[in-house]
Amino acid sequence: MPNAEEHRGAVIVPKVARLSRDKIRQSVILKKSNKSVIGSMYSVVSKAIKMNKISIHQVIAEVEKALTILDGYFDKTNSRIMKSIDKIENQTENIQLEINRQLQYIETFRANVLVAGFNRLTKRIPADKYEEFIKKKLMSSTLYLNDLQIKITDAKTEKQMLNERYMTLKYIRGTVFEEDMHNIRMMNKKLMKEQIEISAKNKELKQHLSVVRQDYLKKKNDLEKFELNLDLPSLDAEIKRYRKKLLKVTPKLLPMVECRDNYMNDNKDNDEEDDDDDDDDDDDDDDDDDDDDDDNDDDDNDDKDKLHHIEKIPSQSLDERINHYLELKRSIDKTDREIKSAKLKLNRKNKLVQMYVMKLKKEKKEEML
């Protein structure tokens, strides 16, 4: 452990290439040669100017060209030097960060290992603290080794069990006849086919269930739309309003209607009685016939007065109201019947869906088993 800590705490120093003496000597020679070349060029140019072979303007132009070239070269070298300086600064920062990290790691290691036993003056580890640390490490390593030992024993027992199983299977394979093996293979193939068929049926059932669910949702949506289109609350309000109107109208007209109905019933009864009297009293006297005719004339006059009284009733408006009320009642009964039939259909669909769900659950349980 200390070796590892020392290895981790070691500071990595970057290697810097050292200049050899040969390279230094070559650079000095180049400097001297450059000076000699510049001096010889100056002497040649001055002689040419004196002998009027070249003008001073040409010399100035050439010197300006040389200066521009040197300027560009200087900029390039300057930028390269700046880049190298930045690189060196980054490397030094990284090295400093690494040093600080290693120092922090050393401090944390000392704090964890020595706790309060580290002497800051002598900077030495006390023996008892070091022994305690080593004991802890030994305990952790022994626990790890024990776990490994248990795993090894488990692997050995598993290997032994597998070997025994292999031997039993080998013995069974040697004792079983070829026909039995063929039958077993055929049964296995049959079982595999059945399994494939069951999986295909399961897929079909799932698809059918999805279709049934979609149909159920569609029917439910249609029923909701139907109920919204019916607008049952407004119909109820309208029926109540018509009932109130009829209740206001009917008490005044009821006696007239009853009188009219009684009159019609009396006429029917009188007609029937007249028919019976004609059949039974064909052989009666003429005097009796005259008396009956007089009585009938009186009755007819009374009935005509009643009819004249009934004709005054506004029967047409009453009939229209009654017919309208009956039509409303019929439409309400019809909508009630349609709602009941839709509810019955929905209940049937729900039962079908529940049956399919139960069937699928049973099949899943059987597959799990």
Protein backbone atom coordinates (compact mmCIF):
# COMPACT_ATOMS: atom_id res chain seq x y z
CA MET A 1 0.00 0.00 0.00
CA PRO A 2 2.70 2.56 0.76
CA ASN A 3 4.41 1.73 -2.54
CA ALA A 4 1.20 2.41 -4.37
CA GLU A 5 0.73 5.68 -2.50
CA GLU A 6 4.30 6.72 -3.26
CA HIS A 7 3.77 5.79 -6.87
CA ARG A 8 0.58 7.86 -7.00
CA GLY A 9 2.18 10.78 -5.15
CA ALA A 10 5.19 10.95 -7.46
CA VAL A 11 5.25 14.16 -9.52
CA ILE A 12 5.60 13.64 -13.27
CA VAL A 13 8.31 16.00 -14.57
CA PRO A 14 8.12 16.76 -18.31
CA LYS A 15 11.23 15.88 -20.32
CA VAL A 16 12.94 18.85 -22.01
CA ALA A 17 15.25 18.21 -24.98
CA ARG A 18 18.78 19.50 -24.23
CA LEU A 19 20.85 21.28 -26.92
CA SER A 20 23.98 19.47 -27.94
CA ARG A 21 27.35 21.17 -28.42
CA ASP A 22 27.34 20.42 -32.14
CA LYS A 23 24.10 22.32 -32.65
CA ILE A 24 25.43 25.31 -30.67
CA ARG A 25 28.61 25.28 -32.75
CA GLN A 26 26.60 25.15 -35.99
CA SER A 27 24.44 28.12 -34.90
CA VAL A 28 27.59 30.19 -34.10
CA ILE A 29 29.09 29.38 -37.52
CA LEU A 30 25.84 30.37 -39.23
CA LYS A 31 25.80 33.72 -37.40
CA LYS A 32 29.39 34.44 -38.47
CA SER A 33 28.69 33.45 -42.05
CA ASN A 34 25.59 35.68 -42.12
CA LYS A 35 27.64 38.63 -40.90
CA SER A 36 30.31 38.00 -43.53
CA VAL A 37 27.68 37.67 -46.27
CA ILE A 38 26.01 40.92 -45.22
CA GLY A 39 29.40 42.71 -45.18
CA SER A 40 30.36 41.41 -48.61
CA MET A 41 26.95 42.38 -50.02
CA TYR A 42 27.35 45.91 -48.64
CA SER A 43 30.78 46.28 -50.23
CA VAL A 44 29.51 45.01 -53.60
CA VAL A 45 26.51 47.36 -53.56
CA SER A 46 28.60 50.39 -52.57
CA LYS A 47 31.09 49.68 -55.40
CA ALA A 48 28.26 49.29 -57.92
CA ILE A 49 26.71 52.62 -56.86
CA LYS A 50 30.08 54.37 -57.14
CA MET A 51 30.69 52.96 -60.61
CA ASN A 52 27.14 53.95 -61.65
CA LYS A 53 26.21 50.34 -62.50
CA ILE A 54 23.13 50.44 -60.25
CA SER A 55 21.08 53.32 -58.95
CA ILE A 56 20.30 54.07 -55.34
CA HIS A 57 16.54 53.73 -56.03
CA GLN A 58 16.96 50.14 -57.15
CA VAL A 59 18.91 49.41 -54.00
CA ILE A 60 16.18 51.01 -51.88
CA ALA A 61 13.50 48.95 -53.65
CA GLU A 62 15.42 45.72 -53.09
CA VAL A 63 16.02 46.62 -49.46
CA GLU A 64 12.29 47.33 -49.01
CA LYS A 65 11.47 43.93 -50.51
CA ALA A 66 13.94 42.30 -48.16
CA LEU A 67 12.45 44.20 -45.22
CA THR A 68 8.88 43.06 -46.09
CA ILE A 69 10.08 39.45 -46.36
CA LEU A 70 11.90 39.74 -43.05
CA ASP A 71 8.80 41.36 -41.52
CA GLY A 72 6.63 38.41 -42.56
CA TYR A 73 9.22 35.94 -41.32
CA PHE A 74 9.40 37.82 -38.02
CA ASP A 75 5.59 37.70 -37.65
CA LYS A 76 5.55 33.95 -38.33
CA THR A 77 8.32 33.26 -35.85
CA ASN A 78 6.68 35.55 -33.30
CA SER A 79 3.30 33.76 -33.61
CA ARG A 80 5.02 30.37 -33.36
CA ILE A 81 6.90 31.51 -30.25
CA MET A 82 3.65 32.82 -28.69
CA LYS A 83 1.90 29.50 -29.36
CA SER A 84 4.77 27.60 -27.79
CA ILE A 85 4.67 29.97 -24.78
CA ASP A 86 0.91 29.34 -24.35
CA LYS A 87 1.49 25.62 -24.62
CA ILE A 88 4.21 25.76 -21.98
CA GLU A 89 1.94 27.79 -19.69
CA ASN A 90 -0.85 25.23 -20.08
CA GLN A 91 1.55 22.41 -19.34
CA THR A 92 2.84 24.19 -16.23
CA GLU A 93 -0.75 24.77 -15.05
CA ASN A 94 -1.57 21.11 -15.59
CA ILE A 95 1.54 20.07 -13.70
CA GLN A 96 0.66 22.42 -10.85
CA LEU A 97 -2.87 21.03 -10.70
CA GLU A 98 -1.53 17.47 -10.67
CA ILE A 99 0.87 18.37 -7.84
CA ASN A 100 -1.95 19.94 -5.82
CA ARG A 101 -4.16 16.91 -6.44
CA GLN A 102 -1.45 14.53 -5.30
CA LEU A 103 -0.80 16.65 -2.20
CA GLN A 104 -4.52 16.66 -1.40
CA TYR A 105 -4.62 12.90 -1.89
CA ILE A 106 -1.70 12.49 0.51
CA GLU A 107 -3.42 14.68 3.10
CA THR A 108 -6.68 12.74 2.84
CA PHE A 109 -4.76 9.46 3.07
CA ARG A 110 -2.99 10.65 6.21
CA ALA A 111 -6.26 11.84 7.74
CA ASN A 112 -8.01 8.53 6.97
CA VAL A 113 -5.15 6.31 8.13
CA LEU A 114 -3.78 8.20 11.11
CA VAL A 115 -6.97 10.02 12.22
CA ALA A 116 -5.58 11.94 15.23
CA GLY A 117 -2.29 10.10 15.78
CA PHE A 118 -0.20 11.94 13.20
CA ASN A 119 2.54 14.03 14.78
CA ARG A 120 2.81 17.25 12.78
CA LEU A 121 6.25 18.15 14.21
CA THR A 122 8.04 14.85 13.54
CA LYS A 123 5.73 13.93 10.63
CA ARG A 124 5.96 10.28 11.61
CA ILE A 125 3.28 7.60 11.90
CA PRO A 126 2.85 6.16 15.42
CA ALA A 127 3.31 2.41 15.64
CA ASP A 128 -0.09 1.66 17.23
CA LYS A 129 -1.95 3.63 14.58
CA TYR A 130 -0.04 1.94 11.79
CA GLU A 131 -0.72 -1.49 13.32
CA GLU A 132 -4.43 -0.68 13.61
CA PHE A 133 -4.52 0.37 9.96
CA ILE A 134 -2.76 -2.83 8.88
CA LYS A 135 -5.17 -4.93 10.97
CA LYS A 136 -8.15 -3.26 9.27
CA LYS A 137 -6.65 -3.93 5.86
CA LEU A 138 -5.98 -7.55 6.81
CA MET A 139 -9.56 -7.96 8.04
CA SER A 140 -11.00 -6.57 4.82
CA SER A 141 -8.69 -8.74 2.72
CA THR A 142 -9.58 -11.86 4.77
CA LEU A 143 -13.29 -11.14 4.31
CA TYR A 144 -12.76 -10.76 0.58
CA LEU A 145 -10.79 -14.02 0.51
CA ASN A 146 -13.53 -15.80 2.46
CA ASP A 147 -16.13 -14.62 -0.06
CA LEU A 148 -13.94 -15.91 -2.87
CA GLN A 149 -13.52 -19.24 -1.06
CA ILE A 150 -17.30 -19.59 -0.68
CA LYS A 151 -17.80 -18.83 -4.37
CA ILE A 152 -15.15 -21.42 -5.29
CA THR A 153 -16.82 -24.09 -3.14
CA ASP A 154 -20.22 -23.28 -4.68
CA ALA A 155 -18.73 -23.57 -8.16
CA LYS A 156 -17.15 -26.93 -7.25
CA THR A 157 -20.44 -28.32 -5.91
CA GLU A 158 -22.29 -27.10 -9.00
CA LYS A 159 -19.68 -28.70 -11.22
CA GLN A 160 -20.02 -31.97 -9.31
CA MET A 161 -23.82 -31.89 -9.65
CA LEU A 162 -23.56 -31.21 -13.36
CA ASN A 163 -21.09 -34.06 -13.75
CA GLU A 164 -23.43 -36.44 -11.92
CA ARG A 165 -26.35 -35.34 -14.06
CA TYR A 166 -24.28 -35.82 -17.19
CA MET A 167 -23.38 -39.34 -16.10
CA THR A 168 -27.03 -40.23 -15.39
CA LEU A 169 -28.11 -38.84 -18.76
CA LYS A 170 -25.33 -40.78 -20.45
CA TYR A 171 -26.47 -43.98 -18.71
CA ILE A 172 -30.11 -43.34 -19.72
CA ARG A 173 -29.02 -42.65 -23.29
CA GLY A 174 -27.11 -45.92 -23.36
CA THR A 175 -30.01 -47.98 -21.97
CA VAL A 176 -32.92 -46.40 -23.93
CA PHE A 177 -33.76 -48.05 -27.25
CA GLU A 178 -33.65 -46.25 -30.58
CA GLU A 179 -37.42 -46.61 -31.08
CA ASP A 180 -38.09 -44.89 -27.77
CA MET A 181 -35.74 -42.08 -28.73
CA HIS A 182 -37.55 -41.75 -32.06
CA ASN A 183 -40.91 -41.59 -30.27
CA ILE A 184 -39.56 -38.98 -27.87
CA ARG A 185 -38.32 -36.89 -30.78
CA MET A 186 -41.69 -37.14 -32.52
CA MET A 187 -43.49 -36.14 -29.32
CA ASN A 188 -41.13 -33.20 -28.93
CA LYS A 189 -41.84 -32.08 -32.49
CA LYS A 190 -45.57 -32.42 -31.87
CA LEU A 191 -45.31 -30.37 -28.70
CA MET A 192 -43.34 -27.70 -30.54
CA LYS A 193 -46.03 -27.53 -33.25
CA GLU A 194 -48.75 -27.25 -30.62
CA GLN A 195 -46.82 -24.49 -28.91
CA ILE A 196 -46.52 -22.60 -32.21
CA GLU A 197 -50.26 -23.05 -32.85
CA ILE A 198 -51.09 -21.83 -29.34
CA SER A 199 -48.91 -18.74 -29.83
CA ALA A 200 -50.64 -18.05 -33.17
CA LYS A 201 -54.06 -18.44 -31.53
CA ASN A 202 -52.99 -16.11 -28.77
CA LYS A 203 -52.03 -13.51 -31.36
CA GLU A 204 -55.39 -13.95 -33.12
CA LEU A 205 -57.23 -13.61 -29.82
CA LYS A 206 -55.30 -10.45 -29.01
CA GLN A 207 -56.17 -9.00 -32.41
CA HIS A 208 -59.83 -9.99 -31.96
CA LEU A 209 -59.82 -8.45 -28.49
CA SER A 210 -58.43 -5.20 -29.90
CA VAL A 211 -61.15 -5.22 -32.60
CA VAL A 212 -63.83 -5.86 -29.97
CA ARG A 213 -62.48 -3.05 -27.83
CA GLN A 214 -62.49 -0.68 -30.78
CA ASP A 215 -66.05 -1.72 -31.64
CA TYR A 216 -67.09 -1.25 -28.01
CA LEU A 217 -65.53 2.23 -27.88
CA LYS A 218 -67.15 3.12 -31.20
CA LYS A 219 -70.57 1.96 -29.97
CA LYS A 220 -70.09 3.85 -26.73
CA ASN A 221 -69.16 6.99 -28.65
CA ASP A 222 -72.18 6.55 -30.94
CA LEU A 223 -74.44 6.15 -27.91
CA GLU A 224 -73.03 9.31 -26.34
CA LYS A 225 -73.55 11.19 -29.61
CA PHE A 226 -77.07 9.75 -29.85
CA GLU A 227 -77.87 10.91 -26.30
CA LEU A 228 -76.46 14.35 -27.06
CA ASN A 229 -78.47 14.58 -30.27
CA LEU A 230 -81.63 13.52 -28.44
CA ASP A 231 -81.22 16.44 -26.05
CA LEU A 232 -83.30 14.69 -23.36
CA PRO A 233 -83.31 17.59 -20.85
CA SER A 234 -84.86 19.97 -23.36
CA LEU A 235 -87.43 17.30 -24.31
CA ASP A 236 -88.37 16.83 -20.66
CA ALA A 237 -88.74 20.58 -20.24
CA GLU A 238 -90.91 20.77 -23.36
CA ILE A 239 -93.13 17.92 -22.16
CA LYS A 240 -93.57 19.59 -18.78
CA ARG A 241 -94.50 22.83 -20.51
CA TYR A 242 -97.12 21.07 -22.67
CA ARG A 243 -98.47 19.27 -19.62
CA LYS A 244 -98.92 22.56 -17.82
CA LYS A 245 -100.73 23.99 -20.85
CA LEU A 246 -102.98 20.94 -21.10
CA LEU A 247 -103.73 21.05 -17.39
CA LYS A 248 -104.78 24.66 -17.80
CA VAL A 249 -107.01 23.85 -20.80
CA THR A 250 -108.55 20.44 -19.95
CA PRO A 251 -110.54 21.25 -16.74
CA LYS A 252 -112.76 23.72 -18.63
CA LEU A 253 -113.34 21.38 -21.56
CA LEU A 254 -113.83 18.13 -19.64
CA PRO A 255 -117.63 18.55 -19.03
CA MET A 256 -118.21 19.33 -22.69
CA VAL A 257 -116.18 16.33 -23.79
CA GLU A 258 -118.02 14.08 -21.34
CA CYS A 259 -121.35 15.40 -22.60
CA ARG A 260 -120.31 14.71 -26.18
CA ASP A 261 -119.14 11.19 -25.33
CA ASN A 262 -122.36 10.46 -23.44
CA TYR A 263 -124.37 11.68 -26.38
CA MET A 264 -122.52 9.41 -28.78
CA ASN A 265 -122.92 6.43 -26.46
CA ASP A 266 -126.67 7.13 -26.03
CA ASN A 267 -127.11 7.25 -29.79
CA LYS A 268 -125.41 3.89 -30.16
CA ASP A 269 -127.58 2.36 -27.42
CA ASN A 270 -130.76 3.82 -28.94
CA ASP A 271 -129.90 2.44 -32.36
CA GLU A 272 -129.37 -1.00 -30.90
CA GLU A 273 -132.64 -0.81 -28.94
CA ASP A 274 -134.53 0.33 -32.05
CA ASP A 275 -133.22 -2.62 -34.01
CA ASP A 276 -134.27 -5.01 -31.26
CA ASP A 277 -137.71 -3.41 -30.98
CA ASP A 278 -138.26 -3.63 -34.73
CA ASP A 279 -137.45 -7.32 -34.71
CA ASP A 280 -139.54 -8.20 -31.65
CA ASP A 281 -142.57 -5.89 -32.10
CA ASP A 282 -143.52 -6.42 -35.74
CA ASP A 283 -146.94 -7.78 -34.66
CA ASP A 284 -147.86 -4.94 -32.23
CA ASP A 285 -150.78 -2.55 -32.67
CA ASP A 286 -150.71 0.63 -34.72
CA ASP A 287 -151.63 2.71 -31.70
CA ASP A 288 -148.55 1.64 -29.84
CA ASP A 289 -146.46 2.59 -32.88
CA ASP A 290 -147.89 6.06 -32.93
CA ASP A 291 -147.12 6.55 -29.25
CA ASP A 292 -143.56 5.37 -29.76
CA ASP A 293 -143.09 7.72 -32.67
CA ASP A 294 -144.20 10.65 -30.56
CA ASP A 295 -141.78 9.69 -27.79
CA ASN A 296 -138.95 9.32 -30.28
CA ASP A 297 -139.67 12.74 -31.74
CA ASP A 298 -139.39 14.27 -28.29
CA ASP A 299 -136.10 12.48 -27.65
CA ASP A 300 -134.75 13.61 -31.02
CA ASN A 301 -135.51 17.19 -30.21
CA ASP A 302 -133.68 16.92 -26.87
CA ASP A 303 -130.68 15.31 -28.58
CA LYS A 304 -130.57 18.03 -31.20
CA ASP A 305 -130.41 20.64 -28.46
CA LYS A 306 -127.48 18.79 -26.89
CA LEU A 307 -125.67 18.53 -30.21
CA HIS A 308 -126.21 22.20 -30.80
CA HIS A 309 -124.60 22.83 -27.41
CA ILE A 310 -121.60 20.52 -28.14
CA GLU A 311 -120.95 22.08 -31.53
CA LYS A 312 -119.99 25.25 -29.73
CA ILE A 313 -116.86 23.48 -28.24
CA PRO A 314 -113.63 24.26 -30.12
CA SER A 315 -113.09 20.54 -30.81
CA GLN A 316 -110.50 21.04 -33.56
CA SER A 317 -108.01 22.89 -31.36
CA LEU A 318 -108.48 20.35 -28.55
CA ASP A 319 -107.89 17.43 -30.93
CA GLU A 320 -104.75 19.05 -32.26
CA ARG A 321 -103.39 19.52 -28.76
CA ILE A 322 -104.22 15.97 -27.75
CA ASN A 323 -102.62 14.61 -30.93
CA HIS A 324 -99.52 16.70 -30.35
CA TYR A 325 -99.27 15.45 -26.79
CA LEU A 326 -99.71 11.84 -27.92
CA GLU A 327 -97.04 12.26 -30.60
CA LEU A 328 -94.65 13.63 -28.00
CA LYS A 329 -95.44 10.73 -25.72
CA ARG A 330 -94.86 8.24 -28.55
CA SER A 331 -91.51 9.85 -29.43
CA ILE A 332 -90.45 9.73 -25.77
CA ASP A 333 -91.45 6.06 -25.52
CA LYS A 334 -89.55 5.35 -28.73
CA THR A 335 -86.39 7.06 -27.46
CA ASP A 336 -86.70 5.17 -24.16
CA ARG A 337 -86.93 1.89 -26.07
CA GLU A 338 -83.90 2.81 -28.21
CA ILE A 339 -81.89 3.78 -25.11
CA LYS A 340 -82.83 0.49 -23.43
CA SER A 341 -81.82 -1.51 -26.51
CA ALA A 342 -78.52 0.39 -26.75
CA LYS A 343 -77.85 -0.28 -23.06
CA LEU A 344 -78.60 -3.99 -23.56
CA LYS A 345 -76.19 -4.09 -26.51
CA LEU A 346 -73.52 -2.37 -24.43
CA ASN A 347 -74.04 -4.84 -21.60
CA ARG A 348 -73.69 -7.73 -24.06
CA LYS A 349 -70.48 -6.23 -25.44
CA ASN A 350 -69.12 -5.73 -21.92
CA LYS A 351 -69.88 -9.35 -21.08
CA LEU A 352 -68.14 -10.51 -24.27
CA VAL A 353 -65.08 -8.39 -23.48
CA GLN A 354 -64.99 -9.74 -19.92
CA MET A 355 -65.24 -13.31 -21.24
CA TYR A 356 -62.36 -12.69 -23.65
CA VAL A 357 -60.27 -11.12 -20.88
CA MET A 358 -60.92 -14.07 -18.56
CA LYS A 359 -60.02 -16.47 -21.34
CA LEU A 360 -56.77 -14.64 -22.06
CA LYS A 361 -55.90 -14.60 -18.35
CA LYS A 362 -56.49 -18.35 -18.11
CA GLU A 363 -54.32 -18.97 -21.16
CA LYS A 364 -51.55 -16.79 -19.73
CA LYS A 365 -51.72 -18.68 -16.43
CA GLU A 366 -51.52 -21.99 -18.30
CA GLU A 367 -48.53 -20.72 -20.27
CA MET A 368 -46.81 -19.61 -17.06
CA LEU A 369 -47.43 -23.02 -15.49
